[in-house]
Protein backbone atom coordinates (compact mmCIF):
# COMPACT_ATOMS: atom_id res chain seq x y z
CA UNK A 1 207.28 151.01 49.32
CA UNK A 2 210.84 152.71 48.75
CA UNK A 3 212.23 155.63 50.20
CA UNK A 4 214.27 158.39 48.18
CA UNK A 5 216.92 160.48 49.67
CA UNK A 6 217.78 162.84 46.90
CA UNK A 7 218.30 160.20 44.23
CA UNK A 8 219.38 157.31 46.64
CA UNK A 9 216.56 155.04 46.86
CA UNK A 10 216.40 152.50 49.58
CA UNK A 11 214.22 149.42 49.88
CA UNK A 12 211.89 149.42 52.36
CA UNK A 13 210.40 146.19 53.51
CA UNK A 14 207.32 145.36 55.99
CA UNK A 15 208.49 142.38 58.48
CA UNK A 16 207.05 139.46 56.46
CA UNK A 17 209.00 140.39 53.33
CA UNK A 18 211.99 141.51 55.21
CA UNK A 19 211.93 137.77 56.65
CA UNK A 20 211.20 136.05 53.50
CA UNK A 21 214.12 138.03 51.44
CA UNK A 22 216.57 136.84 54.31
CA UNK A 23 215.67 133.58 53.87
CA UNK A 24 215.68 134.19 49.82
CA UNK A 25 219.03 135.60 49.38
CA UNK A 26 222.42 133.89 49.46
CA UNK A 27 224.88 135.15 52.28
CA UNK A 28 222.26 137.44 53.75
CA UNK A 29 223.96 139.79 56.74
CA UNK A 30 221.60 141.07 59.25
CA UNK A 31 222.69 144.30 60.75
CA UNK A 32 221.31 146.17 63.83
CA UNK A 33 222.20 149.67 64.03
CA UNK A 34 220.84 150.06 67.52
CA UNK A 35 222.94 150.66 70.80
CA UNK A 36 224.19 147.51 72.47
CA UNK A 37 221.88 148.11 75.48
CA UNK A 38 219.08 147.75 72.67
CA UNK A 39 221.00 144.71 71.28
CA UNK A 40 220.96 142.89 74.41
CA UNK A 41 217.38 143.62 75.25
CA UNK A 42 216.04 141.91 71.72
CA UNK A 43 217.32 141.25 68.41
CA UNK A 44 216.90 139.24 65.37
CA UNK A 45 218.84 136.08 65.55
CA UNK A 46 222.51 136.18 63.63
CA UNK A 47 222.13 139.69 63.45
CA UNK A 48 225.63 141.56 63.97
CA UNK A 49 225.75 145.21 66.03
CA UNK A 50 227.16 148.25 64.27
CA UNK A 51 225.69 151.15 66.32
CA UNK A 52 224.94 154.16 64.17
CA UNK A 53 225.78 156.40 67.19
CA UNK A 54 229.41 154.95 67.30
CA UNK A 55 232.00 157.18 65.92
CA UNK A 56 233.53 154.87 63.71
CA UNK A 57 230.32 153.54 62.30
CA UNK A 58 230.88 154.47 58.56
CA UNK A 59 234.48 152.69 59.16
CA UNK A 60 232.83 149.28 60.18
CA UNK A 61 230.25 149.60 57.25
CA UNK A 62 233.25 150.34 54.97
CA UNK A 63 235.28 147.13 55.76
CA UNK A 64 231.78 145.12 54.69
CA UNK A 65 231.74 143.03 51.44
CA UNK A 66 229.71 145.72 49.20
CA UNK A 67 228.40 142.74 46.91
CA UNK A 68 226.57 140.74 49.68
CA UNK A 69 222.89 141.60 50.68
CA UNK A 70 222.41 143.37 53.97
CA UNK A 71 219.30 143.59 56.10
CA UNK A 72 219.34 146.65 58.63
CA UNK A 73 216.93 147.53 61.20
CA UNK A 74 216.90 149.51 64.33
CA UNK A 75 213.90 150.05 66.79
CA UNK A 76 211.35 151.82 64.56
CA UNK A 77 213.13 152.10 61.12
CA UNK A 78 214.51 155.70 61.19
CA UNK A 79 218.04 154.98 61.89
CA UNK A 80 218.36 151.70 59.75
CA UNK A 81 216.87 153.98 57.20
CA UNK A 82 219.75 156.51 57.82
CA UNK A 83 222.24 153.57 57.55
CA UNK A 84 220.89 152.23 54.60
CA UNK A 85 221.35 155.47 52.65
CA UNK A 86 224.73 155.79 53.98
CA UNK A 87 225.55 152.29 52.83
CA UNK A 88 224.08 152.98 49.37
CA UNK A 89 226.47 156.17 49.17
CA UNK A 90 229.41 153.80 49.82
CA UNK A 91 228.76 151.75 46.95
CA UNK A 92 226.60 148.98 48.43
CA UNK A 93 224.02 147.55 46.07
CA UNK A 94 221.57 145.16 48.05
CA UNK A 95 220.64 147.15 51.19
CA UNK A 96 216.93 146.43 52.44
CA UNK A 97 215.52 148.34 55.65
CA UNK A 98 212.96 146.97 58.05
CA UNK A 99 210.47 149.64 57.49
CA UNK A 100 208.81 149.93 61.04
CA UNK A 101 211.86 148.46 63.07
CA UNK A 102 212.01 145.63 65.47
CA UNK A 103 209.06 146.79 67.14
CA UNK A 104 206.76 145.73 64.09
CA UNK A 105 209.06 142.58 63.74
CA UNK A 106 206.58 139.07 64.04
CA UNK A 107 209.65 136.76 63.49
CA UNK A 108 211.97 135.03 65.78
CA UNK A 109 214.01 136.75 68.61
CA UNK A 110 216.61 136.35 71.07
CA UNK A 111 218.17 138.13 74.02
CA UNK A 112 220.93 138.25 75.98
């Protein structure tokens, strides 16, 4: 199911589709947009933290390669949806949102 924000379409994937798409895409990058505390608690392996609440969030996002596929998640899917919308506005073409966030994730996780 996709979400529209104005004319911007975000690809929302359930946890199974999200995991399969990560495996099928070359050079996949997983972005966790939660806080550092949440990130330390539990995260998807190999995720990079770019906290959406940080003032320089858009600057950090804009430094990324716009041609790579990005898989974005947060706790419940709301912050990551916003992040995906912002990424698409900045010119990213392959952006995927974990629809219900890490609370719906059934794949591998790590802590620390």
